[in-house]
Amino acid sequence: MPGAGPAGLGVTAADFRAFMGTFPSGVAIVTAVDPGGRPFGLTCSSVSSVATDPPTLLVCLRSASPTLAALRARAAFSVNLLHDEGRAAAELFASGDPDRFERIPWRRNDSTGGPHLTEHAHAIADCDVAGTTRVGDHMVVFGRVMRVRWGGAGPAVSPSPLLYGLRQYSSWRVAGASR
């Protein structure tokens, strides 16, 4: 059968990527610090809210990711939601460049979580790992949100978020945006 995937599921990995590529989503950089203090991070569009009580979100990371290893070792991470001027950071952290933290401004987090990319993020959530579940070649990480930090003027005046879909970056203008 054309397009058949593994075990006769009928969908190949390429078909699934193409399908999901038609669903635009916000762009985030998930960051963590390993026990030795070394920062790790990756671009992620698989972010979703889970619950408001307690505040919980999820991120989906490739099981072999060094960022996932650092996140699990410290049981903490940060989600940096990128604004419309964060494309260069998104591309850098998607590239796998081992020197990415030397090529972008960032600030060490003074509590739980990972590095903050304050010049490229309009909001940052610091999370403690509440649980993980392996699904195929990825790990779903549930993060209990311990603190939220706002860039710019705060949540009342959010800049335009960076979006990704149809293999391109975009944004949508928010009335009263500070950018």
C-alpha atoms as a PDB file:
ATOM      1  CA  MET A   1       0.000   0.000   0.000  1.00  0.00           C
ATOM      2  CA  PRO A   2       1.514   3.403  -0.949  1.00  0.00           C
ATOM      3  CA  GLY A   3       2.596   5.538   2.006  1.00  0.00           C
ATOM      4  CA  ALA A   4       2.373   2.619   4.409  1.00  0.00           C
ATOM      5  CA  GLY A   5       4.514   3.051   7.492  1.00  0.00           C
ATOM      6  CA  PRO A   6       5.907   0.580   9.987  1.00  0.00           C
ATOM      7  CA  ALA A   7       3.709  -2.257  11.165  1.00  0.00           C
ATOM      8  CA  GLY A   8       1.119  -1.397   8.506  1.00  0.00           C
ATOM      9  CA  LEU A   9       0.076   1.822  10.229  1.00  0.00           C
ATOM     10  CA  GLY A  10      -0.416   3.472   6.843  1.00  0.00           C
ATOM     11  CA  VAL A  11       1.516   6.654   7.668  1.00  0.00           C
ATOM     12  CA  THR A  12       5.232   7.202   7.163  1.00  0.00           C
ATOM     13  CA  ALA A  13       7.359   9.490   9.308  1.00  0.00           C
ATOM     14  CA  ALA A  14       7.619  11.855   6.312  1.00  0.00           C
ATOM     15  CA  ASP A  15       3.812  11.904   5.905  1.00  0.00           C
ATOM     16  CA  PHE A  16       3.363  12.635   9.600  1.00  0.00           C
ATOM     17  CA  ARG A  17       5.967  15.457   9.538  1.00  0.00           C
ATOM     18  CA  ALA A  18       4.226  16.965   6.498  1.00  0.00           C
ATOM     19  CA  PHE A  19       0.841  16.722   8.225  1.00  0.00           C
ATOM     20  CA  MET A  20       2.087  18.373  11.426  1.00  0.00           C
ATOM     21  CA  GLY A  21       3.932  21.002   9.374  1.00  0.00           C
ATOM     22  CA  THR A  22       0.564  22.364   8.281  1.00  0.00           C
ATOM     23  CA  PHE A  23      -0.307  23.134  11.905  1.00  0.00           C
ATOM     24  CA  PRO A  24       1.390  26.407  12.893  1.00  0.00           C
ATOM     25  CA  SER A  25       2.504  26.671  16.482  1.00  0.00           C
ATOM     26  CA  GLY A  26       4.461  28.959  18.744  1.00  0.00           C
ATOM     27  CA  VAL A  27       8.223  28.595  18.921  1.00  0.00           C
ATOM     28  CA  ALA A  28      10.055  28.039  22.188  1.00  0.00           C
ATOM     29  CA  ILE A  29      13.580  27.243  23.255  1.00  0.00           C
ATOM     30  CA  VAL A  30      13.735  24.695  26.057  1.00  0.00           C
ATOM     31  CA  THR A  31      16.821  25.155  28.225  1.00  0.00           C
ATOM     32  CA  ALA A  32      18.409  23.190  31.049  1.00  0.00           C
ATOM     33  CA  VAL A  33      21.677  23.058  32.956  1.00  0.00           C
ATOM     34  CA  ASP A  34      23.528  19.824  33.664  1.00  0.00           C
ATOM     35  CA  PRO A  35      24.851  19.038  37.173  1.00  0.00           C
ATOM     36  CA  GLY A  36      28.227  20.562  36.213  1.00  0.00           C
ATOM     37  CA  GLY A  37      26.593  23.890  35.302  1.00  0.00           C
ATOM     38  CA  ARG A  38      26.845  23.517  31.499  1.00  0.00           C
ATOM     39  CA  PRO A  39      23.853  25.009  29.620  1.00  0.00           C
ATOM     40  CA  PHE A  40      21.865  23.028  27.046  1.00  0.00           C
ATOM     41  CA  GLY A  41      18.958  24.017  24.855  1.00  0.00           C
ATOM     42  CA  LEU A  42      16.931  23.263  21.760  1.00  0.00           C
ATOM     43  CA  THR A  43      14.196  24.798  19.652  1.00  0.00           C
ATOM     44  CA  CYS A  44      10.832  23.227  20.365  1.00  0.00           C
ATOM     45  CA  SER A  45       7.365  23.756  18.950  1.00  0.00           C
ATOM     46  CA  SER A  46       5.909  20.795  20.873  1.00  0.00           C
ATOM     47  CA  VAL A  47       4.759  22.751  23.924  1.00  0.00           C
ATOM     48  CA  SER A  48       1.300  22.597  25.438  1.00  0.00           C
ATOM     49  CA  SER A  49      -0.535  23.526  28.593  1.00  0.00           C
ATOM     50  CA  VAL A  50      -1.757  20.560  30.629  1.00  0.00           C
ATOM     51  CA  ALA A  51      -3.410  21.915  33.796  1.00  0.00           C
ATOM     52  CA  THR A  52      -3.854  25.139  35.731  1.00  0.00           C
ATOM     53  CA  ASP A  53      -3.992  23.526  39.184  1.00  0.00           C
ATOM     54  CA  PRO A  54      -1.173  22.889  39.621  1.00  0.00           C
ATOM     55  CA  PRO A  55       0.172  24.923  36.678  1.00  0.00           C
ATOM     56  CA  THR A  56       1.640  22.275  34.378  1.00  0.00           C
ATOM     57  CA  LEU A  57       2.863  22.232  30.794  1.00  0.00           C
ATOM     58  CA  LEU A  58       4.461  19.609  28.594  1.00  0.00           C
ATOM     59  CA  VAL A  59       7.303  19.592  26.106  1.00  0.00           C
ATOM     60  CA  CYS A  60       8.219  16.760  23.747  1.00  0.00           C
ATOM     61  CA  LEU A  61      11.938  16.160  23.240  1.00  0.00           C
ATOM     62  CA  ARG A  62      13.858  13.601  21.188  1.00  0.00           C
ATOM     63  CA  SER A  63      14.915  10.756  23.497  1.00  0.00           C
ATOM     64  CA  ALA A  64      18.599  11.029  22.486  1.00  0.00           C
ATOM     65  CA  SER A  65      18.723  14.803  23.079  1.00  0.00           C
ATOM     66  CA  PRO A  66      21.560  16.108  25.293  1.00  0.00           C
ATOM     67  CA  THR A  67      19.124  18.791  26.494  1.00  0.00           C
ATOM     68  CA  LEU A  68      16.769  16.057  27.699  1.00  0.00           C
ATOM     69  CA  ALA A  69      19.660  14.374  29.545  1.00  0.00           C
ATOM     70  CA  ALA A  70      20.531  17.659  31.325  1.00  0.00           C
ATOM     71  CA  LEU A  71      16.874  18.352  32.093  1.00  0.00           C
ATOM     72  CA  ARG A  72      16.413  14.898  33.628  1.00  0.00           C
ATOM     73  CA  ALA A  73      19.659  15.073  35.621  1.00  0.00           C
ATOM     74  CA  ARG A  74      18.589  18.310  37.365  1.00  0.00           C
ATOM     75  CA  ALA A  75      14.818  17.664  37.183  1.00  0.00           C
ATOM     76  CA  ALA A  76      14.324  21.264  36.053  1.00  0.00           C
ATOM     77  CA  PHE A  77      14.112  23.295  32.842  1.00  0.00           C
ATOM     78  CA  SER A  78      12.899  26.569  31.370  1.00  0.00           C
ATOM     79  CA  VAL A  79      10.622  27.280  28.424  1.00  0.00           C
ATOM     80  CA  ASN A  80      11.567  30.498  26.617  1.00  0.00           C
ATOM     81  CA  LEU A  81       8.621  31.612  24.426  1.00  0.00           C
ATOM     82  CA  LEU A  82      10.111  33.524  21.514  1.00  0.00           C
ATOM     83  CA  HIS A  83       8.861  36.841  20.166  1.00  0.00           C
ATOM     84  CA  ASP A  84       8.811  37.761  16.484  1.00  0.00           C
ATOM     85  CA  GLU A  85      12.423  38.959  16.562  1.00  0.00           C
ATOM     86  CA  GLY A  86      13.639  35.610  17.914  1.00  0.00           C
ATOM     87  CA  ARG A  87      13.977  33.797  14.581  1.00  0.00           C
ATOM     88  CA  ALA A  88      17.804  33.849  14.619  1.00  0.00           C
ATOM     89  CA  ALA A  89      17.780  32.242  18.087  1.00  0.00           C
ATOM     90  CA  ALA A  90      15.239  29.625  16.946  1.00  0.00           C
ATOM     91  CA  GLU A  91      17.402  28.724  13.961  1.00  0.00           C
ATOM     92  CA  LEU A  92      20.589  28.632  16.046  1.00  0.00           C
ATOM     93  CA  PHE A  93      19.090  26.305  18.663  1.00  0.00           C
ATOM     94  CA  ALA A  94      17.556  24.102  15.950  1.00  0.00           C
ATOM     95  CA  SER A  95      20.956  23.740  14.255  1.00  0.00           C
ATOM     96  CA  GLY A  96      22.616  21.683  16.971  1.00  0.00           C
ATOM     97  CA  ASP A  97      25.596  24.069  16.984  1.00  0.00           C
ATOM     98  CA  PRO A  98      27.626  23.065  20.074  1.00  0.00           C
ATOM     99  CA  ASP A  99      28.614  26.726  20.653  1.00  0.00           C
ATOM    100  CA  ARG A 100      25.087  28.141  20.606  1.00  0.00           C
ATOM    101  CA  PHE A 101      25.336  29.579  24.128  1.00  0.00           C
ATOM    102  CA  GLU A 102      28.515  31.422  23.124  1.00  0.00           C
ATOM    103  CA  ARG A 103      26.723  33.008  20.156  1.00  0.00           C
ATOM    104  CA  ILE A 104      23.642  34.403  21.876  1.00  0.00           C
ATOM    105  CA  PRO A 105      23.024  36.536  24.978  1.00  0.00           C
ATOM    106  CA  TRP A 106      21.577  34.599  27.894  1.00  0.00           C
ATOM    107  CA  ARG A 107      21.283  34.861  31.637  1.00  0.00           C
ATOM    108  CA  ARG A 108      21.846  32.136  34.176  1.00  0.00           C
ATOM    109  CA  ASN A 109      18.688  31.443  36.110  1.00  0.00           C
ATOM    110  CA  ASP A 110      19.010  32.206  39.815  1.00  0.00           C
ATOM    111  CA  SER A 111      16.649  29.436  40.908  1.00  0.00           C
ATOM    112  CA  THR A 112      15.134  26.395  39.282  1.00  0.00           C
ATOM    113  CA  GLY A 113      15.109  25.874  35.533  1.00  0.00           C
ATOM    114  CA  GLY A 114      17.511  26.617  32.743  1.00  0.00           C
ATOM    115  CA  PRO A 115      19.108  29.628  31.107  1.00  0.00           C
ATOM    116  CA  HIS A 116      16.896  32.583  30.203  1.00  0.00           C
ATOM    117  CA  LEU A 117      17.106  34.006  26.690  1.00  0.00           C
ATOM    118  CA  THR A 118      15.806  37.416  27.738  1.00  0.00           C
ATOM    119  CA  GLU A 119      16.544  39.224  24.452  1.00  0.00           C
ATOM    120  CA  HIS A 120      14.597  36.718  22.374  1.00  0.00           C
ATOM    121  CA  ALA A 121      11.801  35.571  24.710  1.00  0.00           C
ATOM    122  CA  HIS A 122       8.646  37.469  25.577  1.00  0.00           C
ATOM    123  CA  ALA A 123       7.875  35.087  28.436  1.00  0.00           C
ATOM    124  CA  ILE A 124       9.820  32.419  30.325  1.00  0.00           C
ATOM    125  CA  ALA A 125       8.495  29.613  32.506  1.00  0.00           C
ATOM    126  CA  ASP A 126      10.807  27.905  35.003  1.00  0.00           C
ATOM    127  CA  CYS A 127       9.681  24.340  35.617  1.00  0.00           C
ATOM    128  CA  ASP A 128      10.384  21.372  37.848  1.00  0.00           C
ATOM    129  CA  VAL A 129       9.974  17.985  36.166  1.00  0.00           C
ATOM    130  CA  ALA A 130       6.678  16.488  37.331  1.00  0.00           C
ATOM    131  CA  GLY A 131       6.975  13.329  35.245  1.00  0.00           C
ATOM    132  CA  THR A 132       8.063  11.840  31.938  1.00  0.00           C
ATOM    133  CA  THR A 133       6.565   9.380  29.497  1.00  0.00           C
ATOM    134  CA  ARG A 134       8.354   7.821  26.547  1.00  0.00           C
ATOM    135  CA  VAL A 135       6.370   7.796  23.309  1.00  0.00           C
ATOM    136  CA  GLY A 136       8.190   6.328  20.323  1.00  0.00           C
ATOM    137  CA  ASP A 137      11.438   8.193  19.730  1.00  0.00           C
ATOM    138  CA  HIS A 138      10.481  11.101  22.002  1.00  0.00           C
ATOM    139  CA  MET A 139      10.012  11.798  25.697  1.00  0.00           C
ATOM    140  CA  VAL A 140       7.015  13.766  26.914  1.00  0.00           C
ATOM    141  CA  VAL A 141       8.195  15.882  29.843  1.00  0.00           C
ATOM    142  CA  PHE A 142       5.613  17.330  32.216  1.00  0.00           C
ATOM    143  CA  GLY A 143       6.797  20.497  33.885  1.00  0.00           C
ATOM    144  CA  ARG A 144       5.257  22.033  36.970  1.00  0.00           C
ATOM    145  CA  VAL A 145       5.566  25.775  36.406  1.00  0.00           C
ATOM    146  CA  MET A 146       7.277  27.300  39.414  1.00  0.00           C
ATOM    147  CA  ARG A 147       7.730  30.846  38.109  1.00  0.00           C
ATOM    148  CA  VAL A 148       6.864  32.929  35.054  1.00  0.00           C
ATOM    149  CA  ARG A 149       8.905  35.921  33.963  1.00  0.00           C
ATOM    150  CA  TRP A 150       7.681  38.438  31.427  1.00  0.00           C
ATOM    151  CA  GLY A 151       9.779  40.373  28.958  1.00  0.00           C
ATOM    152  CA  GLY A 152       9.064  43.956  28.024  1.00  0.00           C
ATOM    153  CA  ALA A 153       5.889  45.414  29.489  1.00  0.00           C
ATOM    154  CA  GLY A 154       4.584  42.146  30.948  1.00  0.00           C
ATOM    155  CA  PRO A 155       1.547  40.032  30.093  1.00  0.00           C
ATOM    156  CA  ALA A 156      -0.754  43.011  29.488  1.00  0.00           C
ATOM    157  CA  VAL A 157       1.244  44.093  26.435  1.00  0.00           C
ATOM    158  CA  SER A 158       2.796  41.033  24.835  1.00  0.00           C
ATOM    159  CA  PRO A 159       4.967  41.351  21.753  1.00  0.00           C
ATOM    160  CA  SER A 160       4.021  39.362  18.689  1.00  0.00           C
ATOM    161  CA  PRO A 161       4.892  35.681  19.189  1.00  0.00           C
ATOM    162  CA  LEU A 162       7.132  33.809  16.763  1.00  0.00           C
ATOM    163  CA  LEU A 163       5.223  31.075  14.927  1.00  0.00           C
ATOM    164  CA  TYR A 164       6.352  28.168  12.754  1.00  0.00           C
ATOM    165  CA  GLY A 165       4.328  26.250  10.193  1.00  0.00           C
ATOM    166  CA  LEU A 166       4.381  25.310   6.508  1.00  0.00           C
ATOM    167  CA  ARG A 167       8.212  25.254   6.831  1.00  0.00           C
ATOM    168  CA  GLN A 168       8.425  28.972   7.517  1.00  0.00           C
ATOM    169  CA  TYR A 169       8.530  31.419  10.396  1.00  0.00           C
ATOM    170  CA  SER A 170       5.865  34.046  10.821  1.00  0.00           C
ATOM    171  CA  SER A 171       4.159  36.037  13.543  1.00  0.00           C
ATOM    172  CA  TRP A 172       0.872  37.581  14.213  1.00  0.00           C
ATOM    173  CA  ARG A 173       0.507  41.149  15.271  1.00  0.00           C
ATOM    174  CA  VAL A 174      -1.051  41.767  18.624  1.00  0.00           C
ATOM    175  CA  ALA A 175      -3.006  44.980  19.134  1.00  0.00           C
ATOM    176  CA  GLY A 176      -0.971  47.272  21.377  1.00  0.00           C
ATOM    177  CA  ALA A 177       2.182  45.173  20.955  1.00  0.00           C
ATOM    178  CA  SER A 178       5.333  46.812  22.247  1.00  0.00           C
ATOM    179  CA  ARG A 179       7.351  45.986  19.092  1.00  0.00           C
END
